[in-house]
Amino acid sequence: MFNFSNFTFEHPQWFWLFLLLPLLILWYFFKRKKQRAAVYISSTKGFRTAQGVLPKLQPLLFLLKLIALSLLIIAMARPRTVDVSTRTKNMQGIDIVMAIDVSASMLARDLKPDRLSSLKEVASDFIKGRPNDRIGLVVYSGESYTKTPITSDKTIVQSALADIKYSEILEGGTAIGMGLASSVNRLKDSKAKSKVIILLTDGVNNSGVIDPKIAAELAVEYNIKVYTIGIGTNGYALTPVAVYPNGKFRYARVKTEIDEKLLQQIASVTKGKYFRATDNDGLQKIYDEINKLEKTDIEEFKYYNYDEKYRPLVILALLLLILEVLLRNTIFRSFV
């Protein structure tokens, strides 16, 4: 099927010549009778007056010339198709580490279906929106570890993100300092023009051997910006408090406790920003804002491949003119 979306005319001003065609048609109808030789006789009584088919087809010669002229006008407008290919070059990329709290409180149901699941959904969209950056994942609760080192392979990052879940194997508690320090360690040797950590937690620092403020100072030393996010409603939320023998959690309403002052200090000292997400929409807006704040410089190259279409039109016009000459000097010779 022909695609008109990439079809263009280089010199469309030639189409003004189509205004001459109605004038040529009028001229032909007014002058065609005068173009025939006339013989005047007193009576046609002794002649057979049967009308032949050829005289009726004589306007075909004019039609052939008219079509040929139209094709030449279109050819002069230079029709062509253009195929545009784009290549982007990442001039100054950003390396991003997402540090995610996976403590049991992240299963609280104040966000739907729970905090961790909501975060994973929003973070996945964020990763999709950063095709030119490298991203890594760090998870922490009472301790921390690197889930995925910084990589440009988004398939690996997305797969690792989907695999994040609460595990009783990890030490309990919330080690914000450990999570931040592990993230800094992932970025300290990066050569990217911008290095960013997105640190998310729903609690207070109550575990780990590294003080969050010391980890923040390390981030400053390596020129790493930290965006901190406190997740959870203001007040009480259904939170896991025990585990039944069948392995399912027992939930109870527990007061949300987030060390906002600490998260604000970390963001401030590293020239980042602190956010508070109390619902799903709020969390989505936070990641959207971070996405806007951290822009990647991209240079785009466009390549144009033109396929000229005027040649077949010219050839067809010439063939029609040759046909007109042949018909005029053979079959219609007696009538022109």
Protein backbone atom coordinates (compact mmCIF):
# COMPACT_ATOMS: atom_id res chain seq x y z
CA MET A 1 0.00 0.00 0.00
CA PHE A 2 1.37 3.41 -0.99
CA ASN A 3 2.39 5.62 1.92
CA PHE A 4 1.56 9.29 1.26
CA SER A 5 2.98 10.47 4.58
CA ASN A 6 6.54 10.60 3.16
CA PHE A 7 5.56 11.79 -0.34
CA THR A 8 6.62 15.37 -1.20
CA PHE A 9 7.00 17.78 -4.13
CA GLU A 10 10.25 19.74 -4.32
CA HIS A 11 8.85 22.48 -6.63
CA PRO A 12 5.06 22.61 -6.10
CA GLN A 13 4.85 26.07 -7.76
CA TRP A 14 4.73 24.32 -11.14
CA PHE A 15 1.19 23.19 -10.30
CA TRP A 16 0.01 26.71 -11.20
CA LEU A 17 0.34 25.60 -14.82
CA PHE A 18 -2.73 23.42 -14.34
CA LEU A 19 -4.75 26.65 -14.55
CA LEU A 20 -3.90 26.69 -18.27
CA LEU A 21 -5.60 23.36 -18.93
CA PRO A 22 -9.21 24.66 -18.81
CA LEU A 23 -8.19 27.42 -21.27
CA LEU A 24 -6.66 24.85 -23.62
CA ILE A 25 -9.83 22.74 -23.45
CA LEU A 26 -11.99 25.80 -24.31
CA TRP A 27 -9.64 26.74 -27.13
CA TYR A 28 -9.87 23.22 -28.55
CA PHE A 29 -13.67 23.11 -28.59
CA PHE A 30 -13.91 26.52 -30.24
CA LYS A 31 -11.22 25.90 -32.85
CA ARG A 32 -11.52 22.19 -33.69
CA LYS A 33 -14.13 22.72 -36.44
CA LYS A 34 -11.98 25.37 -38.11
CA GLN A 35 -9.01 23.01 -38.20
CA ARG A 36 -10.76 20.78 -40.74
CA ALA A 37 -10.71 21.58 -44.50
CA ALA A 38 -14.21 22.47 -45.80
CA VAL A 39 -15.58 21.65 -49.27
CA TYR A 40 -18.77 23.38 -50.27
CA ILE A 41 -21.09 21.68 -52.81
CA SER A 42 -24.63 22.46 -53.88
CA SER A 43 -26.07 19.10 -52.84
CA THR A 44 -24.96 15.90 -51.05
CA LYS A 45 -27.80 13.94 -52.52
CA GLY A 46 -25.51 11.73 -54.63
CA PHE A 47 -23.15 10.94 -51.69
CA ARG A 48 -23.42 8.33 -49.00
CA THR A 49 -23.63 10.14 -45.69
CA ALA A 50 -23.05 7.30 -43.22
CA GLN A 51 -21.09 8.63 -40.21
CA GLY A 52 -17.87 6.69 -39.40
CA VAL A 53 -16.39 5.93 -35.95
CA LEU A 54 -12.97 7.54 -36.51
CA PRO A 55 -14.22 11.14 -36.70
CA LYS A 56 -15.84 10.67 -33.28
CA LEU A 57 -12.54 9.43 -31.83
CA GLN A 58 -10.52 12.34 -33.16
CA PRO A 59 -10.66 14.24 -29.77
CA LEU A 60 -8.56 11.34 -28.45
CA LEU A 61 -5.50 13.00 -30.02
CA PHE A 62 -6.08 16.18 -28.03
CA LEU A 63 -6.73 14.12 -24.89
CA LEU A 64 -3.38 12.34 -25.29
CA LYS A 65 -1.57 15.68 -25.54
CA LEU A 66 -3.50 17.00 -22.53
CA ILE A 67 -2.55 13.99 -20.40
CA ALA A 68 1.07 14.25 -21.53
CA LEU A 69 1.15 17.94 -20.58
CA SER A 70 -0.33 17.14 -17.14
CA LEU A 71 2.30 14.46 -16.54
CA LEU A 72 5.08 16.88 -17.51
CA ILE A 73 3.72 19.52 -15.10
CA ILE A 74 3.70 16.95 -12.28
CA ALA A 75 7.22 15.85 -13.24
CA MET A 76 8.45 19.48 -13.12
CA ALA A 77 7.02 19.71 -9.57
CA ARG A 78 9.54 16.94 -8.83
CA PRO A 79 7.63 14.34 -6.83
CA ARG A 80 9.72 12.19 -4.52
CA THR A 81 9.54 10.11 -1.39
CA VAL A 82 11.75 10.78 1.58
CA ASP A 83 12.90 8.25 4.15
CA VAL A 84 14.07 9.88 7.37
CA SER A 85 16.27 7.91 9.75
CA THR A 86 17.28 9.29 13.13
CA ARG A 87 20.29 8.49 15.25
CA THR A 88 20.75 9.93 18.71
CA LYS A 89 24.06 10.39 20.42
CA ASN A 90 24.14 10.62 24.19
CA MET A 91 26.48 13.56 24.73
CA GLN A 92 26.35 13.78 28.52
CA GLY A 93 24.58 10.87 30.20
CA ILE A 94 23.41 10.52 33.76
CA ASP A 95 24.19 7.61 36.05
CA ILE A 96 21.37 6.88 38.48
CA VAL A 97 21.17 4.48 41.43
CA MET A 98 17.78 3.77 42.96
CA ALA A 99 18.11 2.81 46.62
CA ILE A 100 14.95 0.99 47.72
CA ASP A 101 13.87 0.17 51.26
CA VAL A 102 12.64 -3.46 51.40
CA SER A 103 11.86 -3.69 55.10
CA ALA A 104 8.63 -5.36 56.22
CA SER A 105 6.90 -1.99 56.67
CA MET A 106 7.11 -1.53 52.87
CA LEU A 107 4.27 -4.07 52.68
CA ALA A 108 1.93 -1.59 54.40
CA ARG A 109 -1.33 -1.16 52.50
CA ASP A 110 -1.79 2.60 52.62
CA LEU A 111 -0.66 2.61 48.98
CA LYS A 112 -2.37 0.16 46.64
CA PRO A 113 -1.81 -2.76 46.69
CA ASP A 114 1.09 -1.98 49.05
CA ARG A 115 4.00 0.44 49.24
CA LEU A 116 6.58 -1.84 47.62
CA SER A 117 4.37 -2.92 44.71
CA SER A 118 3.34 0.67 44.03
CA LEU A 119 6.96 1.78 44.09
CA LYS A 120 8.01 -0.95 41.66
CA GLU A 121 5.30 0.07 39.18
CA VAL A 122 6.25 3.76 39.30
CA ALA A 123 9.98 3.03 39.21
CA SER A 124 9.49 0.84 36.13
CA ASP A 125 7.86 3.74 34.28
CA PHE A 126 10.71 5.99 35.40
CA ILE A 127 13.29 3.58 33.98
CA LYS A 128 11.42 3.42 30.67
CA GLY A 129 11.59 7.21 30.48
CA ARG A 130 15.43 7.23 30.82
CA PRO A 131 16.55 5.31 27.69
CA ASN A 132 19.87 7.18 27.44
CA ASP A 133 21.02 6.84 31.04
CA ARG A 134 22.65 4.08 33.03
CA ILE A 135 20.70 2.86 36.05
CA GLY A 136 21.52 0.61 38.98
CA LEU A 137 19.53 -0.79 41.92
CA VAL A 138 20.45 -1.05 45.61
CA VAL A 139 18.09 -2.63 48.15
CA TYR A 140 18.35 -2.31 51.91
CA SER A 141 16.58 -3.02 55.15
CA GLY A 142 18.81 -3.77 58.17
CA GLU A 143 21.69 -4.27 55.71
CA SER A 144 22.16 -3.41 52.04
CA TYR A 145 23.40 -4.96 48.83
CA THR A 146 23.59 -4.14 45.13
CA LYS A 147 20.76 -5.70 43.18
CA THR A 148 22.06 -4.43 39.84
CA PRO A 149 25.21 -2.38 39.13
CA ILE A 150 24.74 0.67 36.90
CA THR A 151 24.08 -0.51 33.36
CA SER A 152 22.58 0.79 30.12
CA ASP A 153 20.75 -2.53 29.61
CA LYS A 154 17.24 -1.60 30.73
CA THR A 155 16.03 -5.19 30.30
CA ILE A 156 18.34 -6.30 33.11
CA VAL A 157 17.29 -3.38 35.32
CA GLN A 158 13.58 -3.98 34.73
CA SER A 159 13.95 -7.68 35.44
CA ALA A 160 15.85 -6.99 38.67
CA LEU A 161 13.26 -4.43 39.74
CA ALA A 162 10.41 -6.88 39.18
CA ASP A 163 12.30 -9.44 41.28
CA ILE A 164 12.58 -7.16 44.34
CA LYS A 165 10.51 -8.39 47.26
CA TYR A 166 10.56 -8.45 51.02
CA SER A 167 12.76 -11.21 52.38
CA GLU A 168 13.15 -12.44 55.95
CA ILE A 169 16.68 -13.46 55.05
CA LEU A 170 17.80 -9.85 55.27
CA GLU A 171 18.41 -8.44 58.70
CA GLY A 172 15.42 -6.55 60.06
CA GLY A 173 15.35 -2.80 60.53
CA THR A 174 16.01 0.19 58.27
CA ALA A 175 19.65 1.02 57.57
CA ILE A 176 19.35 4.27 55.60
CA GLY A 177 23.08 4.97 56.02
CA MET A 178 24.00 1.55 54.64
CA GLY A 179 21.67 1.92 51.66
CA LEU A 180 23.05 5.36 50.85
CA ALA A 181 26.68 4.27 51.29
CA SER A 182 26.21 1.27 48.99
CA SER A 183 24.69 3.58 46.37
CA VAL A 184 27.61 6.00 46.66
CA ASN A 185 30.00 3.09 46.24
CA ARG A 186 28.26 2.17 42.97
CA LEU A 187 28.68 5.72 41.61
CA LYS A 188 31.99 6.96 43.00
CA ASP A 189 34.02 5.80 39.98
CA SER A 190 31.47 6.90 37.40
CA LYS A 191 32.66 9.28 34.65
CA ALA A 192 29.14 10.55 33.91
CA LYS A 193 28.59 14.32 33.91
CA SER A 194 25.84 13.86 36.49
CA LYS A 195 25.48 11.25 39.23
CA VAL A 196 22.19 10.82 41.06
CA ILE A 197 20.84 8.66 43.88
CA ILE A 198 17.09 8.28 44.47
CA LEU A 199 16.77 7.08 48.06
CA LEU A 200 13.35 5.84 49.17
CA THR A 201 12.33 4.80 52.68
CA ASP A 202 9.25 4.58 54.87
CA GLY A 203 10.97 4.56 58.24
CA VAL A 204 13.74 5.86 60.45
CA ASN A 205 17.38 4.88 60.52
CA ASN A 206 17.51 2.23 63.25
CA SER A 207 20.09 -0.26 61.97
CA GLY A 208 23.43 -0.51 60.19
CA VAL A 209 26.96 0.54 61.03
CA ILE A 210 27.15 3.65 58.84
CA ASP A 211 25.64 6.94 59.95
CA PRO A 212 23.41 8.45 57.20
CA LYS A 213 25.06 11.85 57.62
CA ILE A 214 28.51 10.35 56.99
CA ALA A 215 27.12 8.58 53.91
CA ALA A 216 25.73 11.93 52.73
CA GLU A 217 29.17 13.53 53.16
CA LEU A 218 30.63 10.76 50.99
CA ALA A 219 28.04 11.61 48.33
CA VAL A 220 29.13 15.25 48.44
CA GLU A 221 32.78 14.25 48.10
CA TYR A 222 32.04 12.35 44.90
CA ASN A 223 29.72 15.06 43.58
CA ILE A 224 26.62 12.86 43.83
CA LYS A 225 23.17 14.42 44.14
CA VAL A 226 20.63 12.63 46.35
CA TYR A 227 16.87 12.85 45.98
CA THR A 228 15.14 11.44 49.06
CA ILE A 229 11.56 10.16 49.18
CA GLY A 230 9.57 9.42 52.31
CA ILE A 231 6.72 7.06 51.48
CA GLY A 232 3.64 6.48 53.64
CA THR A 233 0.48 8.19 54.81
CA ASN A 234 0.38 10.70 57.61
CA GLY A 235 -1.06 8.74 60.51
CA TYR A 236 -1.76 5.01 60.71
CA ALA A 237 -1.48 2.28 58.08
CA LEU A 238 -2.16 -1.46 57.89
CA THR A 239 1.31 -2.89 58.38
CA PRO A 240 2.66 -6.45 58.88
CA VAL A 241 3.30 -7.06 62.57
CA ALA A 242 3.58 -10.86 62.71
CA VAL A 243 3.61 -14.00 60.56
CA TYR A 244 1.01 -16.77 60.81
CA PRO A 245 2.16 -20.45 60.79
CA ASN A 246 1.03 -20.68 57.15
CA GLY A 247 3.49 -17.95 56.21
CA LYS A 248 0.95 -15.15 55.73
CA PHE A 249 1.34 -11.80 57.45
CA ARG A 250 -0.86 -10.56 60.24
CA TYR A 251 -1.66 -6.88 59.75
CA ALA A 252 -2.43 -4.20 62.30
CA ARG A 253 -2.80 -0.44 62.20
CA VAL A 254 0.62 1.02 62.94
CA LYS A 255 1.59 4.69 63.10
CA THR A 256 3.74 5.76 60.16
CA GLU A 257 7.11 6.98 61.37
CA ILE A 258 9.47 8.66 58.90
CA ASP A 259 12.57 10.64 59.83
CA GLU A 260 11.75 13.52 57.50
CA LYS A 261 14.31 15.80 59.11
CA LEU A 262 17.11 13.34 58.27
CA LEU A 263 15.90 12.89 54.68
CA GLN A 264 15.70 16.67 54.24
CA GLN A 265 19.25 17.08 55.55
CA ILE A 266 20.61 14.42 53.17
CA ALA A 267 18.89 16.06 50.20
CA SER A 268 19.97 19.55 51.22
CA VAL A 269 23.65 18.77 51.77
CA THR A 270 23.93 16.92 48.44
CA LYS A 271 22.00 19.65 46.52
CA GLY A 272 19.12 17.28 45.92
CA LYS A 273 15.49 17.52 46.99
CA TYR A 274 13.19 15.84 49.51
CA PHE A 275 9.72 14.54 48.60
CA ARG A 276 6.88 13.00 50.57
CA ALA A 277 4.57 10.44 48.92
CA THR A 278 1.37 9.68 50.81
CA ASP A 279 -0.51 7.93 48.00
CA ASN A 280 0.01 6.30 44.58
CA ASP A 281 -0.58 9.49 42.59
CA GLY A 282 1.81 11.43 44.80
CA LEU A 283 4.55 8.85 44.28
CA GLN A 284 4.03 8.98 40.50
CA LYS A 285 4.26 12.79 40.50
CA ILE A 286 7.50 12.67 42.49
CA TYR A 287 9.21 10.44 39.95
CA ASP A 288 7.82 12.60 37.13
CA GLU A 289 9.35 15.67 38.75
CA ILE A 290 12.72 13.99 39.25
CA ASN A 291 12.56 12.96 35.60
CA LYS A 292 12.12 16.62 34.63
CA LEU A 293 14.83 17.85 36.99
CA GLU A 294 17.47 15.48 35.62
CA LYS A 295 17.78 16.14 31.89
CA THR A 296 20.13 14.21 29.62
CA ASP A 297 21.90 16.12 26.82
CA ILE A 298 21.26 14.32 23.55
CA GLU A 299 22.48 15.18 20.06
CA GLU A 300 20.17 14.00 17.31
CA PHE A 301 21.24 13.28 13.73
CA LYS A 302 18.70 12.96 10.92
CA TYR A 303 19.48 11.30 7.59
CA TYR A 304 17.27 11.94 4.54
CA ASN A 305 17.12 9.45 1.68
CA TYR A 306 15.23 10.80 -1.35
CA ASP A 307 13.74 8.63 -4.09
CA GLU A 308 12.89 10.74 -7.16
CA LYS A 309 9.62 9.83 -8.89
CA TYR A 310 9.58 12.25 -11.86
CA ARG A 311 11.40 10.01 -14.37
CA PRO A 312 8.51 7.55 -14.97
CA LEU A 313 6.18 10.52 -15.50
CA VAL A 314 8.45 12.04 -18.15
CA ILE A 315 8.83 8.72 -19.95
CA LEU A 316 5.06 8.13 -19.94
CA ALA A 317 4.44 11.67 -21.24
CA LEU A 318 6.90 11.12 -24.12
CA LEU A 319 5.26 7.79 -24.98
CA LEU A 320 1.84 9.46 -25.12
CA LEU A 321 3.19 12.20 -27.41
CA ILE A 322 4.78 9.61 -29.69
CA LEU A 323 1.49 7.69 -29.75
CA GLU A 324 -0.36 10.89 -30.65
CA VAL A 325 2.00 11.60 -33.56
CA LEU A 326 1.69 8.03 -34.84
CA LEU A 327 -2.11 8.08 -34.68
CA ARG A 328 -2.31 11.50 -36.29
CA ASN A 329 -0.13 10.39 -39.22
CA THR A 330 -1.73 6.98 -39.70
CA ILE A 331 -5.29 6.19 -38.60
CA PHE A 332 -6.46 9.81 -38.28
CA ARG A 333 -4.47 11.16 -41.20
CA SER A 334 -7.59 11.78 -43.31
CA PHE A 335 -9.22 13.83 -40.55
CA VAL A 336 -6.46 16.19 -39.46
